[in-house]
């Protein structure tokens, strides 16, 4: 005799399907957010270089204090860029972890159902 009767197997199968659907919805949303983040990051990552090029052009025309302010601002922009890149990487890791968790959960359900 198996570990589960037919009714229990049916309930477990329904839970498996519901869990899979929820996980797929979450994965889809994570992937859409990741795509949006990557797109926006790629579109805007050049801004820091353009700003630094502009600062270089202005250096001859500005006082040392103003140049220092611009360099300080450029440094802070670099930190913002680094944060944005880390955000994209974190979302990528979250997407990967979600896929792994989904696969592991489905594998566990299958073990309960068919063993």
Protein backbone atom coordinates (compact mmCIF):
# COMPACT_ATOMS: atom_id res chain seq x y z
CA UNK A 1 0.00 0.00 0.00
CA UNK A 2 1.28 3.46 -0.87
CA UNK A 3 2.05 6.21 1.57
CA UNK A 4 -0.91 8.32 0.37
CA UNK A 5 -4.41 7.33 -0.65
CA UNK A 6 -5.96 8.65 -3.88
CA UNK A 7 -7.64 11.62 -2.19
CA UNK A 8 -4.39 12.70 -0.54
CA UNK A 9 -2.52 12.31 -3.82
CA UNK A 10 -5.14 14.48 -5.52
CA UNK A 11 -4.78 17.17 -2.84
CA UNK A 12 -1.00 17.07 -3.11
CA UNK A 13 -1.22 17.27 -6.92
CA UNK A 14 -3.52 20.30 -6.65
CA UNK A 15 -1.13 21.95 -4.18
CA UNK A 16 1.75 21.19 -6.52
CA UNK A 17 -0.08 22.82 -9.45
CA UNK A 18 -1.06 25.85 -7.37
CA UNK A 19 2.49 26.21 -6.05
CA UNK A 20 3.88 25.91 -9.57
CA UNK A 21 1.45 28.54 -10.88
CA UNK A 22 2.31 30.96 -8.08
CA UNK A 23 6.03 30.38 -8.56
CA UNK A 24 5.74 30.90 -12.30
CA UNK A 25 3.83 34.16 -11.75
CA UNK A 26 6.49 35.36 -9.31
CA UNK A 27 9.27 34.33 -11.68
CA UNK A 28 7.58 36.12 -14.57
CA UNK A 29 7.24 39.31 -12.51
CA UNK A 30 10.84 39.11 -11.31
CA UNK A 31 12.06 38.59 -14.87
CA UNK A 32 10.01 41.54 -16.13
CA UNK A 33 11.44 43.75 -13.38
CA UNK A 34 14.93 42.51 -14.15
CA UNK A 35 14.49 43.27 -17.85
CA UNK A 36 13.24 46.77 -17.00
CA UNK A 37 16.16 47.38 -14.65
CA UNK A 38 18.71 46.11 -17.17
CA UNK A 39 17.22 48.24 -19.94
CA UNK A 40 17.19 51.39 -17.81
CA UNK A 41 20.68 50.71 -16.52
CA UNK A 42 22.04 50.22 -20.03
CA UNK A 43 20.31 53.40 -21.24
CA UNK A 44 21.74 55.47 -18.39
CA UNK A 45 25.16 54.02 -17.62
CA UNK A 46 26.83 56.41 -20.08
CA UNK A 47 25.65 59.47 -18.15
CA UNK A 48 28.58 59.39 -15.73
CA UNK A 49 31.15 59.31 -18.54
CA UNK A 50 29.37 62.13 -20.34
CA UNK A 51 29.29 64.16 -17.14
CA UNK A 52 33.00 63.57 -16.50
CA UNK A 53 33.79 64.60 -20.07
CA UNK A 54 31.78 67.77 -19.53
CA UNK A 55 33.61 68.47 -16.25
CA UNK A 56 36.92 68.09 -18.08
CA UNK A 57 35.82 70.66 -20.65
CA UNK A 58 34.80 73.08 -17.90
CA UNK A 59 37.94 72.75 -15.79
CA UNK A 60 39.74 75.50 -17.70
CA UNK A 61 36.85 77.89 -17.20
CA UNK A 62 36.06 77.34 -13.50
CA UNK A 63 37.63 78.23 -10.20
CA UNK A 64 39.42 75.49 -8.26
CA UNK A 65 36.56 75.45 -5.73
CA UNK A 66 33.96 74.90 -8.46
CA UNK A 67 36.11 72.20 -10.04
CA UNK A 68 36.34 70.47 -6.66
CA UNK A 69 32.55 70.64 -6.28
CA UNK A 70 32.09 69.08 -9.70
CA UNK A 71 34.58 66.30 -8.93
CA UNK A 72 32.80 65.65 -5.64
CA UNK A 73 29.47 65.48 -7.47
CA UNK A 74 31.01 63.15 -10.05
CA UNK A 75 32.22 60.88 -7.26
CA UNK A 76 28.72 60.74 -5.77
CA UNK A 77 27.26 59.97 -9.21
CA UNK A 78 29.69 57.07 -9.47
CA UNK A 79 28.32 55.72 -6.19
CA UNK A 80 24.78 55.98 -7.57
CA UNK A 81 25.89 54.09 -10.68
CA UNK A 82 27.47 51.39 -8.52
CA UNK A 83 24.26 51.08 -6.48
CA UNK A 84 22.22 50.75 -9.67
CA UNK A 85 24.54 48.02 -10.94
CA UNK A 86 24.27 46.18 -7.63
CA UNK A 87 20.48 46.45 -7.88
CA UNK A 88 20.51 44.82 -11.31
CA UNK A 89 22.83 42.08 -10.04
CA UNK A 90 20.64 41.50 -6.96
CA UNK A 91 17.53 41.20 -9.11
CA UNK A 92 19.36 38.73 -11.38
CA UNK A 93 20.31 36.64 -8.32
CA UNK A 94 16.73 36.82 -7.04
CA UNK A 95 15.45 35.54 -10.38
CA UNK A 96 17.95 32.67 -10.30
CA UNK A 97 17.11 31.80 -6.68
CA UNK A 98 13.37 31.85 -7.46
CA UNK A 99 13.88 29.43 -10.34
CA UNK A 100 15.93 27.12 -8.11
CA UNK A 101 13.32 27.23 -5.32
CA UNK A 102 10.52 26.51 -7.78
CA UNK A 103 12.37 23.55 -9.25
CA UNK A 104 13.21 22.18 -5.81
CA UNK A 105 9.60 22.53 -4.61
CA UNK A 106 8.25 20.79 -7.70
CA UNK A 107 10.81 18.01 -7.30
CA UNK A 108 9.72 17.50 -3.67
CA UNK A 109 6.06 17.35 -4.67
CA UNK A 110 6.91 14.77 -7.33
CA UNK A 111 8.76 12.66 -4.77
CA UNK A 112 5.74 12.63 -2.47
CA UNK A 113 3.35 11.81 -5.28
CA UNK A 114 5.23 9.04 -7.04
CA UNK A 115 7.29 7.34 -4.35
